[in-house]
Every structure is written in structure tokens, then in C-alpha cells.
Amino acid sequence: MRAFVAAVQRDLPEVAIDRRDEEVAAFGEQACRGLAAGKKAPAVVREFRAQGVSGPQAKRLFALASNTMCP
């Protein structure tokens, strides 16, 4: 979780700026849960977008979660 939060703070500061670490980590947890449930990347990205994250940011959030949090 720490690696994901740090990566978001570094690569997507505009996403992290008004969110607590726990809120940022929730994006990663959401991505991992989605993948574990068999969801594809576009479905998880749409979920992020529904939470007010822009398309490019949502794609990057998914990539960061996949690389740092998800088994």
C-alpha cells in the first residue's frame, strides 16, 4: 500500500493533493479487488472515473495499482 500511495503522490499529485493516504490507498484496493473478481482494466478505470478522476488519471491509477499493489 505504501508503494502505491507514494507512486500516486509522485506521478499523480493532482489526484493525491486533496485526499488522505487512506483515500488514495482505497483506489489501489479497489483496483486489486476488481482484478481479483475478474474485471478488466476498462471496467476498473470506469469506476475511477465515476469517482471524479479524469480518464488519463484513472488509467494511470490502474497501472500504478497493478504494478505496486495487486498480486
PDB file of N, CA and C in Angstrom:
ATOM      1  N   MET A   1       0.823  -1.190   0.000  1.00  0.00           N
ATOM      2  CA  MET A   1       0.000   0.000   0.000  1.00  0.00           C
ATOM      3  C   MET A   1       0.869   1.256   0.000  1.00  0.00           C
ATOM      4  N   ARG A   2       1.902   1.277   0.784  1.00  0.00           N
ATOM      5  CA  ARG A   2       2.755   2.471   0.852  1.00  0.00           C
ATOM      6  C   ARG A   2       3.386   2.802  -0.490  1.00  0.00           C
ATOM      7  N   ALA A   3       3.813   1.757  -1.206  1.00  0.00           N
ATOM      8  CA  ALA A   3       4.438   1.982  -2.511  1.00  0.00           C
ATOM      9  C   ALA A   3       3.440   2.597  -3.470  1.00  0.00           C
ATOM     10  N   PHE A   4       2.194   2.143  -3.437  1.00  0.00           N
ATOM     11  CA  PHE A   4       1.158   2.698  -4.308  1.00  0.00           C
ATOM     12  C   PHE A   4       0.893   4.156  -3.960  1.00  0.00           C
ATOM     13  N   VAL A   5       0.691   4.444  -2.690  1.00  0.00           N
ATOM     14  CA  VAL A   5       0.411   5.828  -2.262  1.00  0.00           C
ATOM     15  C   VAL A   5       1.571   6.739  -2.659  1.00  0.00           C
ATOM     16  N   ALA A   6       2.783   6.303  -2.442  1.00  0.00           N
ATOM     17  CA  ALA A   6       3.951   7.109  -2.817  1.00  0.00           C
ATOM     18  C   ALA A   6       4.005   7.325  -4.324  1.00  0.00           C
ATOM     19  N   ALA A   7       3.677   6.293  -5.095  1.00  0.00           N
ATOM     20  CA  ALA A   7       3.691   6.416  -6.556  1.00  0.00           C
ATOM     21  C   ALA A   7       2.622   7.395  -7.030  1.00  0.00           C
ATOM     22  N   VAL A   8       1.451   7.347  -6.423  1.00  0.00           N
ATOM     23  CA  VAL A   8       0.382   8.287  -6.793  1.00  0.00           C
ATOM     24  C   VAL A   8       0.793   9.711  -6.421  1.00  0.00           C
ATOM     25  N   GLN A   9       1.353   9.881  -5.242  1.00  0.00           N
ATOM     26  CA  GLN A   9       1.789  11.218  -4.825  1.00  0.00           C
ATOM     27  C   GLN A   9       2.858  11.762  -5.770  1.00  0.00           C
ATOM     28  N   ARG A  10       3.717  10.894  -6.278  1.00  0.00           N
ATOM     29  CA  ARG A  10       4.789  11.305  -7.177  1.00  0.00           C
ATOM     30  C   ARG A  10       4.276  11.539  -8.609  1.00  0.00           C
ATOM     31  N   ASP A  11       3.498  10.574  -9.130  1.00  0.00           N
ATOM     32  CA  ASP A  11       3.101  10.608 -10.538  1.00  0.00           C
ATOM     33  C   ASP A  11       1.782  11.322 -10.801  1.00  0.00           C
ATOM     34  N   LEU A  12       0.912  11.355  -9.810  1.00  0.00           N
ATOM     35  CA  LEU A  12      -0.410  11.970  -9.965  1.00  0.00           C
ATOM     36  C   LEU A  12      -0.717  12.882  -8.776  1.00  0.00           C
ATOM     37  N   PRO A  13       0.106  13.879  -8.557  1.00  0.00           N
ATOM     38  CA  PRO A  13      -0.116  14.732  -7.379  1.00  0.00           C
ATOM     39  C   PRO A  13      -1.487  15.399  -7.376  1.00  0.00           C
ATOM     40  N   GLU A  14      -2.033  15.641  -8.553  1.00  0.00           N
ATOM     41  CA  GLU A  14      -3.351  16.276  -8.624  1.00  0.00           C
ATOM     42  C   GLU A  14      -4.451  15.355  -8.103  1.00  0.00           C
ATOM     43  N   VAL A  15      -4.234  14.056  -8.129  1.00  0.00           N
ATOM     44  CA  VAL A  15      -5.190  13.099  -7.563  1.00  0.00           C
ATOM     45  C   VAL A  15      -4.997  12.993  -6.051  1.00  0.00           C
ATOM     46  N   ALA A  16      -3.771  13.042  -5.611  1.00  0.00           N
ATOM     47  CA  ALA A  16      -3.461  12.845  -4.199  1.00  0.00           C
ATOM     48  C   ALA A  16      -3.632  14.101  -3.350  1.00  0.00           C
ATOM     49  N   ILE A  17      -3.591  15.261  -3.965  1.00  0.00           N
ATOM     50  CA  ILE A  17      -3.482  16.527  -3.229  1.00  0.00           C
ATOM     51  C   ILE A  17      -4.572  16.730  -2.168  1.00  0.00           C
ATOM     52  N   ASP A  18      -5.812  16.427  -2.466  1.00  0.00           N
ATOM     53  CA  ASP A  18      -6.889  16.671  -1.512  1.00  0.00           C
ATOM     54  C   ASP A  18      -7.393  15.397  -0.851  1.00  0.00           C
ATOM     55  N   ARG A  19      -6.600  14.342  -0.928  1.00  0.00           N
ATOM     56  CA  ARG A  19      -7.012  13.064  -0.350  1.00  0.00           C
ATOM     57  C   ARG A  19      -6.013  12.607   0.705  1.00  0.00           C
ATOM     58  N   ARG A  20      -6.542  12.009   1.773  1.00  0.00           N
ATOM     59  CA  ARG A  20      -5.680  11.390   2.788  1.00  0.00           C
ATOM     60  C   ARG A  20      -5.047  10.138   2.182  1.00  0.00           C
ATOM     61  N   ASP A  21      -3.962   9.682   2.776  1.00  0.00           N
ATOM     62  CA  ASP A  21      -3.290   8.476   2.290  1.00  0.00           C
ATOM     63  C   ASP A  21      -4.251   7.297   2.200  1.00  0.00           C
ATOM     64  N   GLU A  22      -5.143   7.170   3.166  1.00  0.00           N
ATOM     65  CA  GLU A  22      -6.097   6.074   3.180  1.00  0.00           C
ATOM     66  C   GLU A  22      -7.038   6.145   1.984  1.00  0.00           C
ATOM     67  N   GLU A  23      -7.414   7.358   1.592  1.00  0.00           N
ATOM     68  CA  GLU A  23      -8.296   7.527   0.443  1.00  0.00           C
ATOM     69  C   GLU A  23      -7.568   7.176  -0.855  1.00  0.00           C
ATOM     70  N   VAL A  24      -6.305   7.541  -0.943  1.00  0.00           N
ATOM     71  CA  VAL A  24      -5.507   7.185  -2.120  1.00  0.00           C
ATOM     72  C   VAL A  24      -5.342   5.671  -2.167  1.00  0.00           C
ATOM     73  N   ALA A  25      -5.019   5.065  -1.039  1.00  0.00           N
ATOM     74  CA  ALA A  25      -4.838   3.612  -0.976  1.00  0.00           C
ATOM     75  C   ALA A  25      -6.116   2.884  -1.387  1.00  0.00           C
ATOM     76  N   ALA A  26      -7.274   3.471  -1.112  1.00  0.00           N
ATOM     77  CA  ALA A  26      -8.545   2.840  -1.468  1.00  0.00           C
ATOM     78  C   ALA A  26      -8.662   2.644  -2.977  1.00  0.00           C
ATOM     79  N   PHE A  27      -8.080   3.535  -3.766  1.00  0.00           N
ATOM     80  CA  PHE A  27      -8.081   3.341  -5.224  1.00  0.00           C
ATOM     81  C   PHE A  27      -7.329   2.057  -5.584  1.00  0.00           C
ATOM     82  N   GLY A  28      -6.184   1.863  -4.976  1.00  0.00           N
ATOM     83  CA  GLY A  28      -5.410   0.658  -5.242  1.00  0.00           C
ATOM     84  C   GLY A  28      -6.143  -0.591  -4.801  1.00  0.00           C
ATOM     85  N   GLU A  29      -6.749  -0.531  -3.626  1.00  0.00           N
ATOM     86  CA  GLU A  29      -7.503  -1.676  -3.127  1.00  0.00           C
ATOM     87  C   GLU A  29      -8.678  -1.991  -4.048  1.00  0.00           C
ATOM     88  N   GLN A  30      -9.329  -0.942  -4.530  1.00  0.00           N
ATOM     89  CA  GLN A  30     -10.449  -1.118  -5.446  1.00  0.00           C
ATOM     90  C   GLN A  30      -9.982  -1.796  -6.734  1.00  0.00           C
ATOM     91  N   ALA A  31      -8.854  -1.363  -7.259  1.00  0.00           N
ATOM     92  CA  ALA A  31      -8.317  -1.963  -8.483  1.00  0.00           C
ATOM     93  C   ALA A  31      -7.998  -3.438  -8.257  1.00  0.00           C
ATOM     94  N   CYS A  32      -7.365  -3.756  -7.157  1.00  0.00           N
ATOM     95  CA  CYS A  32      -6.991  -5.141  -6.875  1.00  0.00           C
ATOM     96  C   CYS A  32      -8.227  -6.019  -6.677  1.00  0.00           C
ATOM     97  N   ARG A  33      -9.221  -5.494  -5.979  1.00  0.00           N
ATOM     98  CA  ARG A  33     -10.469  -6.253  -5.796  1.00  0.00           C
ATOM     99  C   ARG A  33     -11.140  -6.508  -7.146  1.00  0.00           C
ATOM    100  N   GLY A  34     -11.139  -5.482  -7.988  1.00  0.00           N
ATOM    101  CA  GLY A  34     -11.741  -5.637  -9.308  1.00  0.00           C
ATOM    102  C   GLY A  34     -11.042  -6.701 -10.127  1.00  0.00           C
ATOM    103  N   LEU A  35      -9.735  -6.660 -10.136  1.00  0.00           N
ATOM    104  CA  LEU A  35      -8.962  -7.669 -10.875  1.00  0.00           C
ATOM    105  C   LEU A  35      -9.208  -9.064 -10.317  1.00  0.00           C
ATOM    106  N   ALA A  36      -9.234  -9.179  -8.995  1.00  0.00           N
ATOM    107  CA  ALA A  36      -9.468 -10.478  -8.364  1.00  0.00           C
ATOM    108  C   ALA A  36     -10.857 -11.023  -8.703  1.00  0.00           C
ATOM    109  N   ALA A  37     -11.797 -10.117  -8.932  1.00  0.00           N
ATOM    110  CA  ALA A  37     -13.165 -10.514  -9.281  1.00  0.00           C
ATOM    111  C   ALA A  37     -13.317 -10.780 -10.779  1.00  0.00           C
ATOM    112  N   GLY A  38     -12.236 -10.604 -11.536  1.00  0.00           N
ATOM    113  CA  GLY A  38     -12.287 -10.885 -12.964  1.00  0.00           C
ATOM    114  C   GLY A  38     -12.596  -9.691 -13.850  1.00  0.00           C
ATOM    115  N   LYS A  39     -12.634  -8.503 -13.260  1.00  0.00           N
ATOM    116  CA  LYS A  39     -12.893  -7.309 -14.070  1.00  0.00           C
ATOM    117  C   LYS A  39     -11.661  -6.994 -14.913  1.00  0.00           C
ATOM    118  N   LYS A  40     -11.917  -6.448 -16.080  1.00  0.00           N
ATOM    119  CA  LYS A  40     -10.844  -5.999 -16.965  1.00  0.00           C
ATOM    120  C   LYS A  40     -10.509  -4.550 -16.642  1.00  0.00           C
ATOM    121  N   ALA A  41      -9.346  -4.105 -17.093  1.00  0.00           N
ATOM    122  CA  ALA A  41      -8.874  -2.745 -16.817  1.00  0.00           C
ATOM    123  C   ALA A  41      -9.906  -1.674 -17.169  1.00  0.00           C
ATOM    124  N   PRO A  42     -10.550  -1.728 -18.342  1.00  0.00           N
ATOM    125  CA  PRO A  42     -11.504  -0.652 -18.664  1.00  0.00           C
ATOM    126  C   PRO A  42     -12.649  -0.515 -17.659  1.00  0.00           C
ATOM    127  N   ALA A  43     -13.086  -1.626 -17.085  1.00  0.00           N
ATOM    128  CA  ALA A  43     -14.171  -1.563 -16.098  1.00  0.00           C
ATOM    129  C   ALA A  43     -13.700  -0.863 -14.826  1.00  0.00           C
ATOM    130  N   VAL A  44     -12.498  -1.166 -14.390  1.00  0.00           N
ATOM    131  CA  VAL A  44     -11.955  -0.526 -13.185  1.00  0.00           C
ATOM    132  C   VAL A  44     -11.710   0.953 -13.457  1.00  0.00           C
ATOM    133  N   VAL A  45     -11.199   1.275 -14.616  1.00  0.00           N
ATOM    134  CA  VAL A  45     -10.965   2.671 -14.989  1.00  0.00           C
ATOM    135  C   VAL A  45     -12.287   3.442 -14.973  1.00  0.00           C
ATOM    136  N   ARG A  46     -13.351   2.833 -15.482  1.00  0.00           N
ATOM    137  CA  ARG A  46     -14.671   3.498 -15.453  1.00  0.00           C
ATOM    138  C   ARG A  46     -15.112   3.764 -14.016  1.00  0.00           C
ATOM    139  N   GLU A  47     -14.827   2.824 -13.112  1.00  0.00           N
ATOM    140  CA  GLU A  47     -15.175   3.036 -11.700  1.00  0.00           C
ATOM    141  C   GLU A  47     -14.422   4.239 -11.133  1.00  0.00           C
ATOM    142  N   PHE A  48     -13.146   4.359 -11.470  1.00  0.00           N
ATOM    143  CA  PHE A  48     -12.369   5.513 -11.014  1.00  0.00           C
ATOM    144  C   PHE A  48     -12.947   6.801 -11.583  1.00  0.00           C
ATOM    145  N   ARG A  49     -13.316   6.775 -12.849  1.00  0.00           N
ATOM    146  CA  ARG A  49     -13.875   7.969 -13.485  1.00  0.00           C
ATOM    147  C   ARG A  49     -15.183   8.379 -12.821  1.00  0.00           C
ATOM    148  N   ALA A  50     -15.965   7.397 -12.389  1.00  0.00           N
ATOM    149  CA  ALA A  50     -17.225   7.691 -11.696  1.00  0.00           C
ATOM    150  C   ALA A  50     -16.978   8.369 -10.359  1.00  0.00           C
ATOM    151  N   GLN A  51     -15.737   8.273  -9.856  1.00  0.00           N
ATOM    152  CA  GLN A  51     -15.374   8.920  -8.591  1.00  0.00           C
ATOM    153  C   GLN A  51     -14.702  10.267  -8.829  1.00  0.00           C
ATOM    154  N   GLY A  52     -14.782  10.771 -10.062  1.00  0.00           N
ATOM    155  CA  GLY A  52     -14.279  12.110 -10.348  1.00  0.00           C
ATOM    156  C   GLY A  52     -12.848  12.178 -10.832  1.00  0.00           C
ATOM    157  N   VAL A  53     -12.253  11.042 -11.180  1.00  0.00           N
ATOM    158  CA  VAL A  53     -10.880  11.025 -11.685  1.00  0.00           C
ATOM    159  C   VAL A  53     -10.952  11.082 -13.211  1.00  0.00           C
ATOM    160  N   SER A  54     -10.124  11.895 -13.835  1.00  0.00           N
ATOM    161  CA  SER A  54     -10.159  12.012 -15.291  1.00  0.00           C
ATOM    162  C   SER A  54      -9.722  10.706 -15.946  1.00  0.00           C
ATOM    163  N   GLY A  55     -10.026  10.552 -17.220  1.00  0.00           N
ATOM    164  CA  GLY A  55      -9.682   9.341 -17.953  1.00  0.00           C
ATOM    165  C   GLY A  55      -8.207   8.991 -17.900  1.00  0.00           C
ATOM    166  N   PRO A  56      -7.315   9.913 -18.297  1.00  0.00           N
ATOM    167  CA  PRO A  56      -5.884   9.593 -18.253  1.00  0.00           C
ATOM    168  C   PRO A  56      -5.386   9.302 -16.836  1.00  0.00           C
ATOM    169  N   GLN A  57      -5.904  10.027 -15.860  1.00  0.00           N
ATOM    170  CA  GLN A  57      -5.505   9.790 -14.474  1.00  0.00           C
ATOM    171  C   GLN A  57      -5.996   8.423 -14.009  1.00  0.00           C
ATOM    172  N   ALA A  58      -7.200   8.061 -14.386  1.00  0.00           N
ATOM    173  CA  ALA A  58      -7.767   6.773 -13.994  1.00  0.00           C
ATOM    174  C   ALA A  58      -6.951   5.625 -14.581  1.00  0.00           C
ATOM    175  N   LYS A  59      -6.538   5.770 -15.819  1.00  0.00           N
ATOM    176  CA  LYS A  59      -5.702   4.733 -16.445  1.00  0.00           C
ATOM    177  C   LYS A  59      -4.371   4.604 -15.722  1.00  0.00           C
ATOM    178  N   ARG A  60      -3.787   5.738 -15.367  1.00  0.00           N
ATOM    179  CA  ARG A  60      -2.504   5.719 -14.660  1.00  0.00           C
ATOM    180  C   ARG A  60      -2.678   5.136 -13.257  1.00  0.00           C
ATOM    181  N   LEU A  61      -3.763   5.481 -12.566  1.00  0.00           N
ATOM    182  CA  LEU A  61      -4.032   4.898 -11.247  1.00  0.00           C
ATOM    183  C   LEU A  61      -4.100   3.377 -11.341  1.00  0.00           C
ATOM    184  N   PHE A  62      -4.802   2.885 -12.364  1.00  0.00           N
ATOM    185  CA  PHE A  62      -4.919   1.445 -12.541  1.00  0.00           C
ATOM    186  C   PHE A  62      -3.545   0.822 -12.769  1.00  0.00           C
ATOM    187  N   ALA A  63      -2.749   1.437 -13.619  1.00  0.00           N
ATOM    188  CA  ALA A  63      -1.410   0.907 -13.901  1.00  0.00           C
ATOM    189  C   ALA A  63      -0.554   0.892 -12.639  1.00  0.00           C
ATOM    190  N   LEU A  64      -0.603   1.963 -11.874  1.00  0.00           N
ATOM    191  CA  LEU A  64       0.181   2.019 -10.640  1.00  0.00           C
ATOM    192  C   LEU A  64      -0.262   0.937  -9.655  1.00  0.00           C
ATOM    193  N   ALA A  65      -1.570   0.760  -9.528  1.00  0.00           N
ATOM    194  CA  ALA A  65      -2.068  -0.278  -8.618  1.00  0.00           C
ATOM    195  C   ALA A  65      -1.636  -1.655  -9.087  1.00  0.00           C
ATOM    196  N   SER A  66      -1.760  -1.897 -10.371  1.00  0.00           N
ATOM    197  CA  SER A  66      -1.377  -3.212 -10.922  1.00  0.00           C
ATOM    198  C   SER A  66       0.101  -3.504 -10.662  1.00  0.00           C
ATOM    199  N   ASN A  67       0.923  -2.476 -10.741  1.00  0.00           N
ATOM    200  CA  ASN A  67       2.365  -2.671 -10.601  1.00  0.00           C
ATOM    201  C   ASN A  67       2.864  -2.644  -9.168  1.00  0.00           C
ATOM    202  N   THR A  68       2.123  -2.046  -8.261  1.00  0.00           N
ATOM    203  CA  THR A  68       2.648  -1.882  -6.903  1.00  0.00           C
ATOM    204  C   THR A  68       1.829  -2.585  -5.815  1.00  0.00           C
ATOM    205  N   MET A  69       0.562  -2.863  -6.070  1.00  0.00           N
ATOM    206  CA  MET A  69      -0.300  -3.408  -5.009  1.00  0.00           C
ATOM    207  C   MET A  69      -0.875  -4.774  -5.286  1.00  0.00           C
ATOM    208  N   CYS A  70      -1.287  -4.998  -6.504  1.00  0.00           N
ATOM    209  CA  CYS A  70      -2.024  -6.222  -6.809  1.00  0.00           C
ATOM    210  C   CYS A  70      -1.097  -7.412  -7.012  1.00  0.00           C
ATOM    211  N   PRO A  71      -1.484  -8.532  -6.421  1.00  0.00           N
ATOM    212  CA  PRO A  71      -0.648  -9.739  -6.577  1.00  0.00           C
ATOM    213  C   PRO A  71      -0.701 -10.291  -7.997  1.00  0.00           C
TER     214      PRO A  71
END
